[in-house]
């Protein structure tokens, strides 16, 4: 692959790990400090793919990222589930008693809330990227400051791990979307999952009718999330994920749903990564 894959964060971040595992270990990456920047790289052609986190098994959906994919008319071409293990790390030769401040991404801080409560003397500071904090600690020789990040970040930046797997729930997965520009590069993997968006009128049973069509066509609903439509008060768009064994069943359902919904959009058709 010629162009780099855009990731939110730097080398050592969880997005970096997904890029390496989903594509290949030699894949180059474009480091971006925001999800908006990763999308910009797709739009201006700097990258062909971007890695975007969509949901976490502990913290739930990352709604702004769904909106980013939708509003920029991008396409989900694949997905990847990553086991997230958060580790507390700092410069060598320190104990947790020496730590006065922990910095990390808000999501990481939330996922490690129970562990951090045990140390009320530690100040919690939100940051944009887990691995970037680890790098800053190394580069600026910041004693008394710890990061919550991946083991790969600790290895890359020569930090000592003071607490392993400190997330509140030990089985902690994040689902990442592999995103590209619509119509750019074919999807070589078998299609058995789809991400859809639709808007319904205010009619009794309209959502139930849509769900019944999915069921009748043998689609398995794996996720449904409503998001407010900003410029229309009290109206919502529904984002759903469905899996299917037979492509014909899915295509039949899609043709019916397109007629029934006020607005209907396919955000992506791709290979289900959870088997």
Protein backbone atom coordinates (compact mmCIF):
# COMPACT_ATOMS: atom_id res chain seq x y z
CA UNK A 1 0.00 0.00 0.00
CA UNK A 2 1.56 3.30 -1.09
CA UNK A 3 -0.11 5.94 1.07
CA UNK A 4 0.02 5.89 4.87
CA UNK A 5 -2.98 4.95 7.00
CA UNK A 6 -4.26 7.91 9.04
CA UNK A 7 -4.56 7.29 12.77
CA UNK A 8 -5.69 9.41 15.69
CA UNK A 9 -2.62 9.62 17.91
CA UNK A 10 1.00 8.67 17.50
CA UNK A 11 3.09 5.50 17.36
CA UNK A 12 2.31 3.43 20.43
CA UNK A 13 -1.38 4.40 20.47
CA UNK A 14 -4.15 1.84 20.17
CA UNK A 15 -5.06 3.21 16.73
CA UNK A 16 -1.44 2.59 15.70
CA UNK A 17 -1.72 -0.99 16.91
CA UNK A 18 -4.89 -1.53 14.85
CA UNK A 19 -3.21 -0.13 11.72
CA UNK A 20 -0.32 -2.56 12.14
CA UNK A 21 -2.52 -5.58 12.87
CA UNK A 22 -5.29 -4.95 10.32
CA UNK A 23 -3.02 -4.15 7.39
CA UNK A 24 0.52 -5.38 8.04
CA UNK A 25 3.44 -4.61 10.32
CA UNK A 26 5.25 -2.66 7.58
CA UNK A 27 2.31 -0.32 6.92
CA UNK A 28 3.28 3.34 7.33
CA UNK A 29 1.00 5.60 9.35
CA UNK A 30 0.06 9.27 9.29
CA UNK A 31 -0.11 10.56 12.86
CA UNK A 32 -3.05 12.91 13.48
CA UNK A 33 -3.96 14.55 16.78
CA UNK A 34 -7.72 14.54 16.17
CA UNK A 35 -10.32 12.43 14.39
CA UNK A 36 -11.18 15.49 12.27
CA UNK A 37 -7.59 15.53 11.01
CA UNK A 38 -7.74 11.85 10.01
CA UNK A 39 -10.89 12.59 8.02
CA UNK A 40 -9.25 15.63 6.41
CA UNK A 41 -6.40 13.39 5.25
CA UNK A 42 -8.91 11.15 3.46
CA UNK A 43 -10.68 14.06 1.84
CA UNK A 44 -7.51 15.71 0.55
CA UNK A 45 -6.05 12.38 -0.61
CA UNK A 46 -3.08 12.28 1.78
CA UNK A 47 -4.28 8.86 2.93
CA UNK A 48 -6.55 6.20 1.45
CA UNK A 49 -7.66 4.72 4.79
CA UNK A 50 -8.25 6.00 8.28
CA UNK A 51 -8.69 4.12 11.57
CA UNK A 52 -11.55 5.51 13.66
CA UNK A 53 -12.71 4.15 17.04
CA UNK A 54 -16.49 3.68 17.13
CA UNK A 55 -17.36 2.06 20.43
CA UNK A 56 -15.95 0.55 23.59
CA UNK A 57 -17.34 -2.37 25.58
CA UNK A 58 -17.08 -0.35 28.82
CA UNK A 59 -17.66 3.28 27.83
CA UNK A 60 -20.12 2.73 24.96
CA UNK A 61 -20.57 4.51 21.62
CA UNK A 62 -18.38 7.37 20.39
CA UNK A 63 -21.23 9.26 18.79
CA UNK A 64 -19.21 12.17 17.28
CA UNK A 65 -17.23 9.66 15.18
CA UNK A 66 -20.41 8.25 13.64
CA UNK A 67 -21.36 11.83 12.75
CA UNK A 68 -17.91 12.41 11.20
CA UNK A 69 -18.25 9.40 8.91
CA UNK A 70 -21.80 10.34 7.96
CA UNK A 71 -21.36 14.09 7.42
CA UNK A 72 -18.24 13.65 5.29
CA UNK A 73 -19.88 10.93 3.18
CA UNK A 74 -17.19 8.38 3.99
CA UNK A 75 -17.48 4.60 3.80
CA UNK A 76 -16.69 1.91 6.37
CA UNK A 77 -14.76 -0.80 4.51
CA UNK A 78 -13.84 -2.98 7.49
CA UNK A 79 -13.72 -3.26 11.26
CA UNK A 80 -11.31 -4.49 13.93
CA UNK A 81 -11.83 -5.39 17.57
CA UNK A 82 -8.86 -4.71 19.83
CA UNK A 83 -8.42 -5.98 23.37
CA UNK A 84 -7.61 -2.80 25.31
CA UNK A 85 -5.24 -3.26 28.23
CA UNK A 86 -4.43 -0.02 30.05
CA UNK A 87 -1.16 0.20 31.98
CA UNK A 88 0.08 2.90 34.34
CA UNK A 89 3.60 3.96 33.36
CA UNK A 90 6.23 6.49 34.36
CA UNK A 91 9.98 7.13 34.24
CA UNK A 92 12.05 4.33 35.79
CA UNK A 93 12.96 4.15 39.49
CA UNK A 94 9.68 5.59 40.76
CA UNK A 95 6.85 4.02 42.76
CA UNK A 96 3.20 4.93 42.62
CA UNK A 97 3.72 6.94 45.83
CA UNK A 98 5.96 9.28 43.84
CA UNK A 99 3.23 9.99 41.28
CA UNK A 100 1.31 13.23 41.80
CA UNK A 101 -0.44 13.43 38.43
CA UNK A 102 -1.81 10.97 35.85
CA UNK A 103 -2.48 12.15 32.31
CA UNK A 104 -4.39 10.27 29.64
CA UNK A 105 -7.25 10.33 27.15
CA UNK A 106 -10.65 10.92 28.88
CA UNK A 107 -11.83 7.49 27.74
CA UNK A 108 -8.82 5.80 29.34
CA UNK A 109 -9.33 7.71 32.59
CA UNK A 110 -12.97 6.66 32.63
CA UNK A 111 -12.12 3.02 32.01
CA UNK A 112 -9.59 3.03 34.89
CA UNK A 113 -11.78 4.93 37.35
CA UNK A 114 -11.91 2.21 40.03
CA UNK A 115 -8.12 1.79 40.18
CA UNK A 116 -7.46 5.54 40.28
CA UNK A 117 -9.88 6.06 43.19
CA UNK A 118 -7.45 4.13 45.37
CA UNK A 119 -4.97 7.02 45.07
CA UNK A 120 -6.82 10.23 46.01
CA UNK A 121 -3.55 12.18 46.14
CA UNK A 122 -3.13 11.80 42.37
CA UNK A 123 -4.48 14.56 40.14
CA UNK A 124 -6.17 13.37 36.93
CA UNK A 125 -5.57 15.39 33.77
CA UNK A 126 -7.27 14.78 30.43
CA UNK A 127 -5.14 14.71 27.28
CA UNK A 128 -5.70 14.10 23.57
CA UNK A 129 -3.73 10.89 23.18
CA UNK A 130 -2.48 8.12 25.46
CA UNK A 131 0.81 7.48 23.69
CA UNK A 132 1.59 11.20 23.27
CA UNK A 133 1.66 11.60 27.05
CA UNK A 134 4.06 8.67 27.36
CA UNK A 135 6.32 10.29 24.75
CA UNK A 136 6.20 13.67 26.57
CA UNK A 137 7.18 12.02 29.86
CA UNK A 138 10.22 10.49 28.15
CA UNK A 139 11.18 13.55 26.08
CA UNK A 140 10.75 16.08 28.91
CA UNK A 141 11.98 13.78 31.71
CA UNK A 142 8.77 14.41 33.70
CA UNK A 143 9.16 12.83 37.11
CA UNK A 144 6.04 12.47 39.25
CA UNK A 145 3.87 12.29 36.13
CA UNK A 146 2.39 9.02 34.89
CA UNK A 147 0.54 8.04 31.73
CA UNK A 148 -2.14 5.45 31.08
CA UNK A 149 -1.28 3.82 27.78
CA UNK A 150 -0.49 0.57 26.00
CA UNK A 151 2.41 -1.77 26.71
CA UNK A 152 3.72 -0.91 23.26
CA UNK A 153 3.93 2.76 24.31
CA UNK A 154 5.90 1.80 27.43
CA UNK A 155 8.34 -0.19 25.29
CA UNK A 156 8.69 2.53 22.63
CA UNK A 157 9.37 5.31 25.17
CA UNK A 158 11.33 3.30 27.75
CA UNK A 159 8.87 3.78 30.61
CA UNK A 160 8.38 1.51 33.59
CA UNK A 161 4.94 -0.01 34.16
CA UNK A 162 3.69 0.66 37.71
CA UNK A 163 0.32 -1.02 37.24
CA UNK A 164 -0.67 -3.65 34.69
CA UNK A 165 -4.21 -3.90 33.22
CA UNK A 166 -5.68 -1.27 35.51
CA UNK A 167 -8.97 -0.91 33.61
CA UNK A 168 -12.05 -1.51 35.80
CA UNK A 169 -13.35 -4.38 33.68
CA UNK A 170 -10.62 -6.75 32.57
CA UNK A 171 -12.35 -7.76 29.33
CA UNK A 172 -12.23 -4.42 27.57
CA UNK A 173 -12.60 -4.19 23.79
CA UNK A 174 -12.80 -1.28 21.40
CA UNK A 175 -14.30 -1.58 17.95
CA UNK A 176 -12.48 0.36 15.25
CA UNK A 177 -13.76 1.19 11.76
CA UNK A 178 -11.53 1.13 8.70
CA UNK A 179 -12.77 4.15 6.76
CA UNK A 180 -12.18 5.32 3.20
CA UNK A 181 -13.60 7.74 0.65
CA UNK A 182 -16.72 6.47 -1.08
CA UNK A 183 -15.96 4.68 -4.32
CA UNK A 184 -12.22 4.77 -3.64
CA UNK A 185 -10.55 1.32 -3.79
CA UNK A 186 -12.64 -1.81 -3.92
CA UNK A 187 -13.51 -3.83 -0.84
CA UNK A 188 -11.81 -7.19 -1.36
CA UNK A 189 -13.18 -8.88 1.76
CA UNK A 190 -16.39 -10.88 1.86
CA UNK A 191 -19.44 -8.82 2.82
CA UNK A 192 -21.60 -10.13 5.68
CA UNK A 193 -22.13 -7.00 7.78
CA UNK A 194 -23.51 -3.53 7.06
CA UNK A 195 -23.73 -0.20 8.85
CA UNK A 196 -26.88 1.75 7.97
CA UNK A 197 -28.43 5.10 8.82
CA UNK A 198 -32.10 6.00 8.43
CA UNK A 199 -34.55 8.71 9.44
CA UNK A 200 -38.23 7.94 10.06
CA UNK A 201 -41.37 10.03 10.16
CA UNK A 202 -43.30 10.57 13.40
CA UNK A 203 -45.69 7.69 12.88
CA UNK A 204 -46.68 5.10 15.44
CA UNK A 205 -44.80 1.86 14.97
CA UNK A 206 -42.47 3.18 12.24
CA UNK A 207 -39.31 1.94 13.97
CA UNK A 208 -40.93 -1.39 14.87
CA UNK A 209 -41.88 -1.88 11.21
CA UNK A 210 -38.27 -1.29 10.10
CA UNK A 211 -37.00 -3.77 12.67
CA UNK A 212 -39.59 -6.33 11.58
CA UNK A 213 -38.36 -6.08 7.98
CA UNK A 214 -34.82 -6.80 9.16
CA UNK A 215 -36.02 -9.79 11.14
CA UNK A 216 -38.19 -11.13 8.30
CA UNK A 217 -35.20 -10.91 5.96
CA UNK A 218 -33.03 -12.85 8.43
CA UNK A 219 -30.79 -9.93 9.38
CA UNK A 220 -29.27 -9.96 12.85
CA UNK A 221 -29.38 -6.52 14.49
CA UNK A 222 -26.12 -6.13 16.42
CA UNK A 223 -26.39 -2.43 17.28
CA UNK A 224 -28.90 0.42 17.21
CA UNK A 225 -28.17 3.98 18.26
CA UNK A 226 -30.28 7.11 17.89
CA UNK A 227 -28.59 10.48 17.32
CA UNK A 228 -30.43 13.84 17.35
CA UNK A 229 -30.72 15.66 14.03
CA UNK A 230 -29.22 19.02 14.98
CA UNK A 231 -31.31 21.30 12.78
CA UNK A 232 -34.62 19.49 13.41
CA UNK A 233 -35.55 19.54 17.14
CA UNK A 234 -36.82 16.24 18.57
CA UNK A 235 -36.09 14.28 15.43
CA UNK A 236 -33.54 11.47 15.37
CA UNK A 237 -31.45 9.48 12.95
CA UNK A 238 -30.95 5.79 13.69
CA UNK A 239 -27.59 4.11 13.14
CA UNK A 240 -27.77 0.33 12.99
CA UNK A 241 -25.38 -2.53 12.33
CA UNK A 242 -26.69 -5.78 10.88
CA UNK A 243 -25.05 -9.10 10.07
CA UNK A 244 -26.33 -11.71 7.62
CA UNK A 245 -25.49 -15.14 6.24
CA UNK A 246 -26.96 -14.58 2.78
CA UNK A 247 -26.20 -11.49 0.70
CA UNK A 248 -29.51 -11.83 -1.15
CA UNK A 249 -31.42 -11.53 2.16
CA UNK A 250 -29.55 -8.33 2.92
CA UNK A 251 -30.10 -6.81 -0.53
CA UNK A 252 -33.82 -7.60 -0.29
CA UNK A 253 -34.05 -5.93 3.13
CA UNK A 254 -32.10 -2.91 1.91
CA UNK A 255 -34.42 -2.36 -1.05
CA UNK A 256 -37.46 -2.41 1.27
CA UNK A 257 -35.91 -0.20 3.95
CA UNK A 258 -34.93 2.41 1.36
CA UNK A 259 -38.60 2.78 0.41
CA UNK A 260 -39.90 2.88 3.99
CA UNK A 261 -37.48 5.45 5.44
CA UNK A 262 -37.64 9.21 4.91
CA UNK A 263 -33.85 9.08 4.50
CA UNK A 264 -31.70 6.00 4.08
CA UNK A 265 -27.94 5.68 3.74
CA UNK A 266 -25.44 2.83 3.66
CA UNK A 267 -22.38 3.78 5.72
CA UNK A 268 -20.55 0.59 4.85
CA UNK A 269 -20.78 -3.04 3.73
CA UNK A 270 -17.89 -5.17 4.92
CA UNK A 271 -16.60 -8.33 6.62
CA UNK A 272 -17.85 -9.03 10.15
CA UNK A 273 -14.82 -9.19 12.45
CA UNK A 274 -16.72 -10.84 15.32
CA UNK A 275 -17.38 -14.51 14.57
